[in-house]
C-alpha atoms as a PDB file:
ATOM      1  CA  MET A   1      -5.888  -7.546   0.345  1.00  0.00           C
ATOM      2  CA  THR A   2      -4.089  -8.224   3.595  1.00  0.00           C
ATOM      3  CA  VAL A   3      -1.507  -5.771   4.921  1.00  0.00           C
ATOM      4  CA  LEU A   4       1.160  -7.084   7.275  1.00  0.00           C
ATOM      5  CA  VAL A   5       3.927  -5.188   9.035  1.00  0.00           C
ATOM      6  CA  VAL A   6       7.048  -7.333   9.245  1.00  0.00           C
ATOM      7  CA  GLY A   7       9.830  -5.552  11.067  1.00  0.00           C
ATOM      8  CA  ASP A   8      10.520  -2.411   9.042  1.00  0.00           C
ATOM      9  CA  ARG A   9       8.749  -3.774   5.944  1.00  0.00           C
ATOM     10  CA  VAL A  10       5.131  -3.752   4.806  1.00  0.00           C
ATOM     11  CA  ALA A  11       3.850  -6.873   3.055  1.00  0.00           C
ATOM     12  CA  LEU A  12       0.774  -6.762   0.830  1.00  0.00           C
ATOM     13  CA  VAL A  13      -0.851 -10.160   0.276  1.00  0.00           C
ATOM     14  CA  LEU A  14      -3.186 -10.103  -2.709  1.00  0.00           C
ATOM     15  CA  PRO A  15      -5.566 -12.770  -3.949  1.00  0.00           C
ATOM     16  CA  PRO A  16      -4.682 -15.471  -5.024  1.00  0.00           C
ATOM     17  CA  GLY A  17      -1.779 -15.270  -2.567  1.00  0.00           C
ATOM     18  CA  ASP A  18       0.678 -13.066  -4.444  1.00  0.00           C
ATOM     19  CA  THR A  19       2.828 -11.093  -2.024  1.00  0.00           C
ATOM     20  CA  THR A  20       4.665  -7.809  -2.439  1.00  0.00           C
ATOM     21  CA  VAL A  21       7.064  -6.545   0.217  1.00  0.00           C
ATOM     22  CA  LEU A  22       7.626  -2.794   0.413  1.00  0.00           C
ATOM     23  CA  THR A  23      10.393  -0.843   2.074  1.00  0.00           C
ATOM     24  CA  PRO A  24       9.323   2.001   4.383  1.00  0.00           C
ATOM     25  CA  ASP A  25       9.955   4.539   1.605  1.00  0.00           C
ATOM     26  CA  GLU A  26       7.906   2.519  -0.883  1.00  0.00           C
ATOM     27  CA  ALA A  27       5.070   2.182   1.649  1.00  0.00           C
ATOM     28  CA  ASP A  28       5.096   5.968   2.203  1.00  0.00           C
ATOM     29  CA  ALA A  29       5.000   6.564  -1.555  1.00  0.00           C
ATOM     30  CA  LEU A  30       2.082   4.138  -1.940  1.00  0.00           C
ATOM     31  CA  ALA A  31       0.201   5.837   0.903  1.00  0.00           C
ATOM     32  CA  HIS A  32       0.711   9.219  -0.777  1.00  0.00           C
ATOM     33  CA  LEU A  33      -0.546   7.877  -4.121  1.00  0.00           C
ATOM     34  CA  LEU A  34      -3.626   6.355  -2.474  1.00  0.00           C
ATOM     35  CA  ASP A  35      -4.381   9.625  -0.637  1.00  0.00           C
ATOM     36  CA  THR A  36      -4.070  11.549  -3.903  1.00  0.00           C
ATOM     37  CA  ALA A  37      -6.333   9.078  -5.715  1.00  0.00           C
ATOM     38  CA  ALA A  38      -8.916   9.302  -2.927  1.00  0.00           C
ATOM     39  CA  ASP A  39      -8.839  13.113  -3.090  1.00  0.00           C
ATOM     40  CA  HIS A  40      -9.449  13.022  -6.844  1.00  0.00           C
ATOM     41  CA  ALA A  41     -12.246  10.470  -6.499  1.00  0.00           C
ATOM     42  CA  THR A  42     -14.113  12.525  -3.883  1.00  0.00           C
ATOM     43  CA  ALA A  43     -13.669  15.792  -5.824  1.00  0.00           C
ATOM     44  CA  ARG A  44     -15.854  14.522  -8.658  1.00  0.00           C
END
């Protein structure tokens, strides 16, 4: 996965080239979800 910051947006480029563009709020929500998932994974 490639993460690009484009102005006030965050673009995620996934293989095979699919792209998702997130607003700042969506990027914050994704970061929170990933932090929570990481916490759960390391607690086991």
